mmCIF file of all heavy atoms, coordinates in Angstrom:
data_MODEL
# 
_entry.id   MODEL 
# 
loop_
_atom_site.group_PDB 
_atom_site.id 
_atom_site.type_symbol 
_atom_site.label_atom_id 
_atom_site.label_alt_id 
_atom_site.label_comp_id 
_atom_site.label_asym_id 
_atom_site.label_entity_id 
_atom_site.label_seq_id 
_atom_site.pdbx_PDB_ins_code 
_atom_site.Cartn_x 
_atom_site.Cartn_y 
_atom_site.Cartn_z 
_atom_site.occupancy 
_atom_site.B_iso_or_equiv 
_atom_site.pdbx_formal_charge 
_atom_site.auth_seq_id 
_atom_site.auth_comp_id 
_atom_site.auth_asym_id 
_atom_site.auth_atom_id 
_atom_site.pdbx_PDB_model_num 
ATOM 1   N N   . ASP A 1 1  ? 11.208  11.139  1.425  1.00 0.00 ? 1  ASP A N   1 
ATOM 2   C CA  . ASP A 1 1  ? 10.419  10.704  2.577  1.00 0.00 ? 1  ASP A CA  1 
ATOM 3   C C   . ASP A 1 1  ? 8.929   10.802  2.286  1.00 0.00 ? 1  ASP A C   1 
ATOM 4   O O   . ASP A 1 1  ? 8.153   9.895   2.617  1.00 0.00 ? 1  ASP A O   1 
ATOM 5   C CB  . ASP A 1 1  ? 10.770  11.552  3.801  1.00 0.00 ? 1  ASP A CB  1 
ATOM 6   C CG  . ASP A 1 1  ? 12.193  11.295  4.282  1.00 0.00 ? 1  ASP A CG  1 
ATOM 7   O OD1 . ASP A 1 1  ? 12.715  10.197  4.013  1.00 0.00 ? 1  ASP A OD1 1 
ATOM 8   O OD2 . ASP A 1 1  ? 12.778  12.196  4.915  1.00 0.00 ? 1  ASP A OD2 1 
ATOM 9   N N   . ALA A 1 2  ? 8.511   11.916  1.675  1.00 0.00 ? 2  ALA A N   1 
ATOM 10  C CA  . ALA A 1 2  ? 7.095   12.090  1.351  1.00 0.00 ? 2  ALA A CA  1 
ATOM 11  C C   . ALA A 1 2  ? 6.643   11.079  0.307  1.00 0.00 ? 2  ALA A C   1 
ATOM 12  O O   . ALA A 1 2  ? 5.542   10.514  0.391  1.00 0.00 ? 2  ALA A O   1 
ATOM 13  C CB  . ALA A 1 2  ? 6.843   13.513  0.855  1.00 0.00 ? 2  ALA A CB  1 
ATOM 14  N N   . VAL A 1 3  ? 7.492   10.832  -0.682 1.00 0.00 ? 3  VAL A N   1 
ATOM 15  C CA  . VAL A 1 3  ? 7.162   9.853   -1.717 1.00 0.00 ? 3  VAL A CA  1 
ATOM 16  C C   . VAL A 1 3  ? 7.031   8.465   -1.113 1.00 0.00 ? 3  VAL A C   1 
ATOM 17  O O   . VAL A 1 3  ? 6.104   7.711   -1.434 1.00 0.00 ? 3  VAL A O   1 
ATOM 18  C CB  . VAL A 1 3  ? 8.239   9.865   -2.824 1.00 0.00 ? 3  VAL A CB  1 
ATOM 19  C CG1 . VAL A 1 3  ? 8.016   8.724   -3.812 1.00 0.00 ? 3  VAL A CG1 1 
ATOM 20  C CG2 . VAL A 1 3  ? 8.231   11.197  -3.559 1.00 0.00 ? 3  VAL A CG2 1 
ATOM 21  N N   . LYS A 1 4  ? 7.954   8.128   -0.216 1.00 0.00 ? 4  LYS A N   1 
ATOM 22  C CA  . LYS A 1 4  ? 7.919   6.819   0.432  1.00 0.00 ? 4  LYS A CA  1 
ATOM 23  C C   . LYS A 1 4  ? 6.651   6.647   1.268  1.00 0.00 ? 4  LYS A C   1 
ATOM 24  O O   . LYS A 1 4  ? 5.987   5.601   1.214  1.00 0.00 ? 4  LYS A O   1 
ATOM 25  C CB  . LYS A 1 4  ? 9.163   6.672   1.312  1.00 0.00 ? 4  LYS A CB  1 
ATOM 26  C CG  . LYS A 1 4  ? 9.125   5.510   2.286  1.00 0.00 ? 4  LYS A CG  1 
ATOM 27  C CD  . LYS A 1 4  ? 9.089   4.197   1.542  1.00 0.00 ? 4  LYS A CD  1 
ATOM 28  C CE  . LYS A 1 4  ? 8.987   3.039   2.535  1.00 0.00 ? 4  LYS A CE  1 
ATOM 29  N NZ  . LYS A 1 4  ? 8.816   1.749   1.839  1.00 0.00 ? 4  LYS A NZ  1 
ATOM 30  N N   . ALA A 1 5  ? 6.298   7.667   2.041  1.00 0.00 ? 5  ALA A N   1 
ATOM 31  C CA  . ALA A 1 5  ? 5.107   7.588   2.885  1.00 0.00 ? 5  ALA A CA  1 
ATOM 32  C C   . ALA A 1 5  ? 3.845   7.433   2.047  1.00 0.00 ? 5  ALA A C   1 
ATOM 33  O O   . ALA A 1 5  ? 2.959   6.630   2.370  1.00 0.00 ? 5  ALA A O   1 
ATOM 34  C CB  . ALA A 1 5  ? 5.015   8.831   3.768  1.00 0.00 ? 5  ALA A CB  1 
ATOM 35  N N   . ARG A 1 6  ? 3.760   8.181   0.976  1.00 0.00 ? 6  ARG A N   1 
ATOM 36  C CA  . ARG A 1 6  ? 2.580   8.105   0.119  1.00 0.00 ? 6  ARG A CA  1 
ATOM 37  C C   . ARG A 1 6  ? 2.493   6.750   -0.569 1.00 0.00 ? 6  ARG A C   1 
ATOM 38  O O   . ARG A 1 6  ? 1.413   6.171   -0.717 1.00 0.00 ? 6  ARG A O   1 
ATOM 39  C CB  . ARG A 1 6  ? 2.643   9.224   -0.913 1.00 0.00 ? 6  ARG A CB  1 
ATOM 40  C CG  . ARG A 1 6  ? 1.421   9.322   -1.824 1.00 0.00 ? 6  ARG A CG  1 
ATOM 41  C CD  . ARG A 1 6  ? 0.174   9.690   -1.071 1.00 0.00 ? 6  ARG A CD  1 
ATOM 42  N NE  . ARG A 1 6  ? -0.960  9.829   -1.971 1.00 0.00 ? 6  ARG A NE  1 
ATOM 43  C CZ  . ARG A 1 6  ? -2.223  9.914   -1.583 1.00 0.00 ? 6  ARG A CZ  1 
ATOM 44  N NH1 . ARG A 1 6  ? -2.521  9.873   -0.288 1.00 0.00 ? 6  ARG A NH1 1 
ATOM 45  N NH2 . ARG A 1 6  ? -3.188  10.049  -2.464 1.00 0.00 ? 6  ARG A NH2 1 
ATOM 46  N N   . GLN A 1 7  ? 3.613   6.236   -0.989 1.00 0.00 ? 7  GLN A N   1 
ATOM 47  C CA  . GLN A 1 7  ? 3.634   4.912   -1.610 1.00 0.00 ? 7  GLN A CA  1 
ATOM 48  C C   . GLN A 1 7  ? 3.128   3.855   -0.635 1.00 0.00 ? 7  GLN A C   1 
ATOM 49  O O   . GLN A 1 7  ? 2.371   2.953   -1.010 1.00 0.00 ? 7  GLN A O   1 
ATOM 50  C CB  . GLN A 1 7  ? 5.049   4.565   -2.059 1.00 0.00 ? 7  GLN A CB  1 
ATOM 51  C CG  . GLN A 1 7  ? 5.155   3.198   -2.742 1.00 0.00 ? 7  GLN A CG  1 
ATOM 52  C CD  . GLN A 1 7  ? 6.570   2.661   -2.736 1.00 0.00 ? 7  GLN A CD  1 
ATOM 53  O OE1 . GLN A 1 7  ? 7.266   2.771   -1.726 1.00 0.00 ? 7  GLN A OE1 1 
ATOM 54  N NE2 . GLN A 1 7  ? 6.990   2.085   -3.839 1.00 0.00 ? 7  GLN A NE2 1 
ATOM 55  N N   . GLY A 1 8  ? 3.520   3.974   0.641  1.00 0.00 ? 8  GLY A N   1 
ATOM 56  C CA  . GLY A 1 8  ? 3.044   3.031   1.650  1.00 0.00 ? 8  GLY A CA  1 
ATOM 57  C C   . GLY A 1 8  ? 1.539   3.073   1.818  1.00 0.00 ? 8  GLY A C   1 
ATOM 58  O O   . GLY A 1 8  ? 0.891   2.033   1.990  1.00 0.00 ? 8  GLY A O   1 
ATOM 59  N N   . LEU A 1 9  ? 0.958   4.270   1.759  1.00 0.00 ? 9  LEU A N   1 
ATOM 60  C CA  . LEU A 1 9  ? -0.496  4.396   1.861  1.00 0.00 ? 9  LEU A CA  1 
ATOM 61  C C   . LEU A 1 9  ? -1.193  3.699   0.697  1.00 0.00 ? 9  LEU A C   1 
ATOM 62  O O   . LEU A 1 9  ? -2.229  3.047   0.866  1.00 0.00 ? 9  LEU A O   1 
ATOM 63  C CB  . LEU A 1 9  ? -0.890  5.872   1.894  1.00 0.00 ? 9  LEU A CB  1 
ATOM 64  C CG  . LEU A 1 9  ? -0.545  6.660   3.166  1.00 0.00 ? 9  LEU A CG  1 
ATOM 65  C CD1 . LEU A 1 9  ? -0.923  8.123   2.989  1.00 0.00 ? 9  LEU A CD1 1 
ATOM 66  C CD2 . LEU A 1 9  ? -1.265  6.071   4.370  1.00 0.00 ? 9  LEU A CD2 1 
ATOM 67  N N   . VAL A 1 10 ? -0.627  3.840   -0.490 1.00 0.00 ? 10 VAL A N   1 
ATOM 68  C CA  . VAL A 1 10 ? -1.235  3.208   -1.664 1.00 0.00 ? 10 VAL A CA  1 
ATOM 69  C C   . VAL A 1 10 ? -1.178  1.690   -1.533 1.00 0.00 ? 10 VAL A C   1 
ATOM 70  O O   . VAL A 1 10 ? -2.171  0.992   -1.778 1.00 0.00 ? 10 VAL A O   1 
ATOM 71  C CB  . VAL A 1 10 ? -0.525  3.666   -2.956 1.00 0.00 ? 10 VAL A CB  1 
ATOM 72  C CG1 . VAL A 1 10 ? -1.093  2.919   -4.164 1.00 0.00 ? 10 VAL A CG1 1 
ATOM 73  C CG2 . VAL A 1 10 ? -0.676  5.160   -3.149 1.00 0.00 ? 10 VAL A CG2 1 
ATOM 74  N N   . LEU A 1 11 ? -0.033  1.169   -1.154 1.00 0.00 ? 11 LEU A N   1 
ATOM 75  C CA  . LEU A 1 11 ? 0.099   -0.282  -1.018 1.00 0.00 ? 11 LEU A CA  1 
ATOM 76  C C   . LEU A 1 11 ? -0.839  -0.817  0.062  1.00 0.00 ? 11 LEU A C   1 
ATOM 77  O O   . LEU A 1 11 ? -1.455  -1.885  -0.105 1.00 0.00 ? 11 LEU A O   1 
ATOM 78  C CB  . LEU A 1 11 ? 1.546   -0.642  -0.688 1.00 0.00 ? 11 LEU A CB  1 
ATOM 79  C CG  . LEU A 1 11 ? 2.559   -0.396  -1.823 1.00 0.00 ? 11 LEU A CG  1 
ATOM 80  C CD1 . LEU A 1 11 ? 3.981   -0.558  -1.318 1.00 0.00 ? 11 LEU A CD1 1 
ATOM 81  C CD2 . LEU A 1 11 ? 2.304   -1.340  -2.992 1.00 0.00 ? 11 LEU A CD2 1 
ATOM 82  N N   . ALA A 1 12 ? -0.979  -0.084  1.170  1.00 0.00 ? 12 ALA A N   1 
ATOM 83  C CA  . ALA A 1 12 ? -1.895  -0.504  2.233  1.00 0.00 ? 12 ALA A CA  1 
ATOM 84  C C   . ALA A 1 12 ? -3.339  -0.495  1.742  1.00 0.00 ? 12 ALA A C   1 
ATOM 85  O O   . ALA A 1 12 ? -4.125  -1.402  2.055  1.00 0.00 ? 12 ALA A O   1 
ATOM 86  C CB  . ALA A 1 12 ? -1.729  0.407   3.441  1.00 0.00 ? 12 ALA A CB  1 
ATOM 87  N N   . ALA A 1 13 ? -3.704  0.519   0.960  1.00 0.00 ? 13 ALA A N   1 
ATOM 88  C CA  . ALA A 1 13 ? -5.062  0.592   0.421  1.00 0.00 ? 13 ALA A CA  1 
ATOM 89  C C   . ALA A 1 13 ? -5.320  -0.553  -0.544 1.00 0.00 ? 13 ALA A C   1 
ATOM 90  O O   . ALA A 1 13 ? -6.416  -1.128  -0.576 1.00 0.00 ? 13 ALA A O   1 
ATOM 91  C CB  . ALA A 1 13 ? -5.267  1.937   -0.275 1.00 0.00 ? 13 ALA A CB  1 
ATOM 92  N N   . MET A 1 14 ? -4.327  -0.903  -1.332 1.00 0.00 ? 14 MET A N   1 
ATOM 93  C CA  . MET A 1 14 ? -4.491  -2.016  -2.268 1.00 0.00 ? 14 MET A CA  1 
ATOM 94  C C   . MET A 1 14 ? -4.704  -3.329  -1.525 1.00 0.00 ? 14 MET A C   1 
ATOM 95  O O   . MET A 1 14 ? -5.527  -4.163  -1.928 1.00 0.00 ? 14 MET A O   1 
ATOM 96  C CB  . MET A 1 14 ? -3.261  -2.120  -3.180 1.00 0.00 ? 14 MET A CB  1 
ATOM 97  C CG  . MET A 1 14 ? -3.075  -0.950  -4.129 1.00 0.00 ? 14 MET A CG  1 
ATOM 98  S SD  . MET A 1 14 ? -1.610  -1.126  -5.189 1.00 0.00 ? 14 MET A SD  1 
ATOM 99  C CE  . MET A 1 14 ? -2.147  -2.456  -6.273 1.00 0.00 ? 14 MET A CE  1 
ATOM 100 N N   . ALA A 1 15 ? -3.959  -3.511  -0.430 1.00 0.00 ? 15 ALA A N   1 
ATOM 101 C CA  . ALA A 1 15 ? -4.126  -4.726  0.368  1.00 0.00 ? 15 ALA A CA  1 
ATOM 102 C C   . ALA A 1 15 ? -5.494  -4.749  1.042  1.00 0.00 ? 15 ALA A C   1 
ATOM 103 O O   . ALA A 1 15 ? -6.162  -5.789  1.099  1.00 0.00 ? 15 ALA A O   1 
ATOM 104 C CB  . ALA A 1 15 ? -3.011  -4.817  1.406  1.00 0.00 ? 15 ALA A CB  1 
ATOM 105 N N   . LYS A 1 16 ? -5.931  -3.603  1.545  1.00 0.00 ? 16 LYS A N   1 
ATOM 106 C CA  . LYS A 1 16 ? -7.235  -3.523  2.209  1.00 0.00 ? 16 LYS A CA  1 
ATOM 107 C C   . LYS A 1 16 ? -8.370  -3.847  1.252  1.00 0.00 ? 16 LYS A C   1 
ATOM 108 O O   . LYS A 1 16 ? -9.362  -4.494  1.631  1.00 0.00 ? 16 LYS A O   1 
ATOM 109 C CB  . LYS A 1 16 ? -7.419  -2.117  2.785  1.00 0.00 ? 16 LYS A CB  1 
ATOM 110 C CG  . LYS A 1 16 ? -8.730  -1.928  3.527  1.00 0.00 ? 16 LYS A CG  1 
ATOM 111 C CD  . LYS A 1 16 ? -8.837  -0.514  4.088  1.00 0.00 ? 16 LYS A CD  1 
ATOM 112 C CE  . LYS A 1 16 ? -10.175 -0.321  4.809  1.00 0.00 ? 16 LYS A CE  1 
ATOM 113 N NZ  . LYS A 1 16 ? -10.302 1.062   5.342  1.00 0.00 ? 16 LYS A NZ  1 
ATOM 114 N N   . GLU A 1 17 ? -8.249  -3.409  0.003  1.00 0.00 ? 17 GLU A N   1 
ATOM 115 C CA  . GLU A 1 17 ? -9.298  -3.653  -0.982 1.00 0.00 ? 17 GLU A CA  1 
ATOM 116 C C   . GLU A 1 17 ? -9.187  -5.025  -1.632 1.00 0.00 ? 17 GLU A C   1 
ATOM 117 O O   . GLU A 1 17 ? -10.029 -5.393  -2.451 1.00 0.00 ? 17 GLU A O   1 
ATOM 118 C CB  . GLU A 1 17 ? -9.257  -2.572  -2.067 1.00 0.00 ? 17 GLU A CB  1 
ATOM 119 C CG  . GLU A 1 17 ? -9.556  -1.172  -1.569 1.00 0.00 ? 17 GLU A CG  1 
ATOM 120 C CD  . GLU A 1 17 ? -10.937 -1.057  -0.950 1.00 0.00 ? 17 GLU A CD  1 
ATOM 121 O OE1 . GLU A 1 17 ? -11.887 -1.637  -1.517 1.00 0.00 ? 17 GLU A OE1 1 
ATOM 122 O OE2 . GLU A 1 17 ? -11.062 -0.403  0.102  1.00 0.00 ? 17 GLU A OE2 1 
ATOM 123 N N   . GLY A 1 18 ? -8.119  -5.760  -1.307 1.00 0.00 ? 18 GLY A N   1 
ATOM 124 C CA  . GLY A 1 18 ? -7.990  -7.116  -1.812 1.00 0.00 ? 18 GLY A CA  1 
ATOM 125 C C   . GLY A 1 18 ? -7.300  -7.258  -3.146 1.00 0.00 ? 18 GLY A C   1 
ATOM 126 O O   . GLY A 1 18 ? -7.278  -8.348  -3.723 1.00 0.00 ? 18 GLY A O   1 
ATOM 127 N N   . TYR A 1 19 ? -6.703  -6.185  -3.642 1.00 0.00 ? 19 TYR A N   1 
ATOM 128 C CA  . TYR A 1 19 ? -6.006  -6.281  -4.923 1.00 0.00 ? 19 TYR A CA  1 
ATOM 129 C C   . TYR A 1 19 ? -4.684  -7.039  -4.786 1.00 0.00 ? 19 TYR A C   1 
ATOM 130 O O   . TYR A 1 19 ? -4.235  -7.693  -5.724 1.00 0.00 ? 19 TYR A O   1 
ATOM 131 C CB  . TYR A 1 19 ? -5.736  -4.891  -5.487 1.00 0.00 ? 19 TYR A CB  1 
ATOM 132 C CG  . TYR A 1 19 ? -6.982  -4.142  -5.903 1.00 0.00 ? 19 TYR A CG  1 
ATOM 133 C CD1 . TYR A 1 19 ? -7.375  -2.976  -5.256 1.00 0.00 ? 19 TYR A CD1 1 
ATOM 134 C CD2 . TYR A 1 19 ? -7.778  -4.600  -6.948 1.00 0.00 ? 19 TYR A CD2 1 
ATOM 135 C CE1 . TYR A 1 19 ? -8.520  -2.285  -5.625 1.00 0.00 ? 19 TYR A CE1 1 
ATOM 136 C CE2 . TYR A 1 19 ? -8.931  -3.921  -7.330 1.00 0.00 ? 19 TYR A CE2 1 
ATOM 137 C CZ  . TYR A 1 19 ? -9.295  -2.766  -6.663 1.00 0.00 ? 19 TYR A CZ  1 
ATOM 138 O OH  . TYR A 1 19 ? -10.428 -2.093  -7.041 1.00 0.00 ? 19 TYR A OH  1 
ATOM 139 N N   . ILE A 1 20 ? -4.034  -6.901  -3.648 1.00 0.00 ? 20 ILE A N   1 
ATOM 140 C CA  . ILE A 1 20 ? -2.793  -7.611  -3.356 1.00 0.00 ? 20 ILE A CA  1 
ATOM 141 C C   . ILE A 1 20 ? -2.861  -8.128  -1.928 1.00 0.00 ? 20 ILE A C   1 
ATOM 142 O O   . ILE A 1 20 ? -3.741  -7.725  -1.150 1.00 0.00 ? 20 ILE A O   1 
ATOM 143 C CB  . ILE A 1 20 ? -1.552  -6.696  -3.517 1.00 0.00 ? 20 ILE A CB  1 
ATOM 144 C CG1 . ILE A 1 20 ? -1.654  -5.478  -2.581 1.00 0.00 ? 20 ILE A CG1 1 
ATOM 145 C CG2 . ILE A 1 20 ? -1.385  -6.252  -4.967 1.00 0.00 ? 20 ILE A CG2 1 
ATOM 146 C CD1 . ILE A 1 20 ? -0.415  -4.588  -2.596 1.00 0.00 ? 20 ILE A CD1 1 
ATOM 147 N N   . THR A 1 21 ? -1.952  -8.994  -1.578 1.00 0.00 ? 21 THR A N   1 
ATOM 148 C CA  . THR A 1 21 ? -1.901  -9.508  -0.212 1.00 0.00 ? 21 THR A CA  1 
ATOM 149 C C   . THR A 1 21 ? -1.037  -8.597  0.650  1.00 0.00 ? 21 THR A C   1 
ATOM 150 O O   . THR A 1 21 ? -0.207  -7.845  0.130  1.00 0.00 ? 21 THR A O   1 
ATOM 151 C CB  . THR A 1 21 ? -1.315  -10.919 -0.197 1.00 0.00 ? 21 THR A CB  1 
ATOM 152 O OG1 . THR A 1 21 ? 0.065   -10.851 -0.621 1.00 0.00 ? 21 THR A OG1 1 
ATOM 153 C CG2 . THR A 1 21 ? -2.091  -11.847 -1.127 1.00 0.00 ? 21 THR A CG2 1 
ATOM 154 N N   . PRO A 1 22 ? -1.195  -8.655  1.971  1.00 0.00 ? 22 PRO A N   1 
ATOM 155 C CA  . PRO A 1 22 ? -0.321  -7.864  2.844  1.00 0.00 ? 22 PRO A CA  1 
ATOM 156 C C   . PRO A 1 22 ? 1.150   -8.182  2.622  1.00 0.00 ? 22 PRO A C   1 
ATOM 157 O O   . PRO A 1 22 ? 2.006   -7.290  2.707  1.00 0.00 ? 22 PRO A O   1 
ATOM 158 C CB  . PRO A 1 22 ? -0.785  -8.268  4.245  1.00 0.00 ? 22 PRO A CB  1 
ATOM 159 C CG  . PRO A 1 22 ? -2.219  -8.646  4.073  1.00 0.00 ? 22 PRO A CG  1 
ATOM 160 C CD  . PRO A 1 22 ? -2.282  -9.312  2.724  1.00 0.00 ? 22 PRO A CD  1 
ATOM 161 N N   . ALA A 1 23 ? 1.453   -9.442  2.320  1.00 0.00 ? 23 ALA A N   1 
ATOM 162 C CA  . ALA A 1 23 ? 2.842   -9.813  2.072  1.00 0.00 ? 23 ALA A CA  1 
ATOM 163 C C   . ALA A 1 23 ? 3.371   -9.136  0.810  1.00 0.00 ? 23 ALA A C   1 
ATOM 164 O O   . ALA A 1 23 ? 4.511   -8.657  0.767  1.00 0.00 ? 23 ALA A O   1 
ATOM 165 C CB  . ALA A 1 23 ? 2.958   -11.328 1.939  1.00 0.00 ? 23 ALA A CB  1 
ATOM 166 N N   . GLU A 1 24 ? 2.550   -9.083  -0.227 1.00 0.00 ? 24 GLU A N   1 
ATOM 167 C CA  . GLU A 1 24 ? 2.949   -8.402  -1.460 1.00 0.00 ? 24 GLU A CA  1 
ATOM 168 C C   . GLU A 1 24 ? 3.114   -6.907  -1.230 1.00 0.00 ? 24 GLU A C   1 
ATOM 169 O O   . GLU A 1 24 ? 4.020   -6.273  -1.785 1.00 0.00 ? 24 GLU A O   1 
ATOM 170 C CB  . GLU A 1 24 ? 1.903   -8.653  -2.550 1.00 0.00 ? 24 GLU A CB  1 
ATOM 171 C CG  . GLU A 1 24 ? 1.894   -10.068 -3.077 1.00 0.00 ? 24 GLU A CG  1 
ATOM 172 C CD  . GLU A 1 24 ? 0.748   -10.337 -4.028 1.00 0.00 ? 24 GLU A CD  1 
ATOM 173 O OE1 . GLU A 1 24 ? -0.344  -9.762  -3.813 1.00 0.00 ? 24 GLU A OE1 1 
ATOM 174 O OE2 . GLU A 1 24 ? 0.934   -11.111 -4.976 1.00 0.00 ? 24 GLU A OE2 1 
# 
């Protein structure tokens, strides 16, 4: 659960910074 939550934060940060799209 902790790993999953942290992974979600990283993906959201990547989308916010423009490295990936929200869909990705």
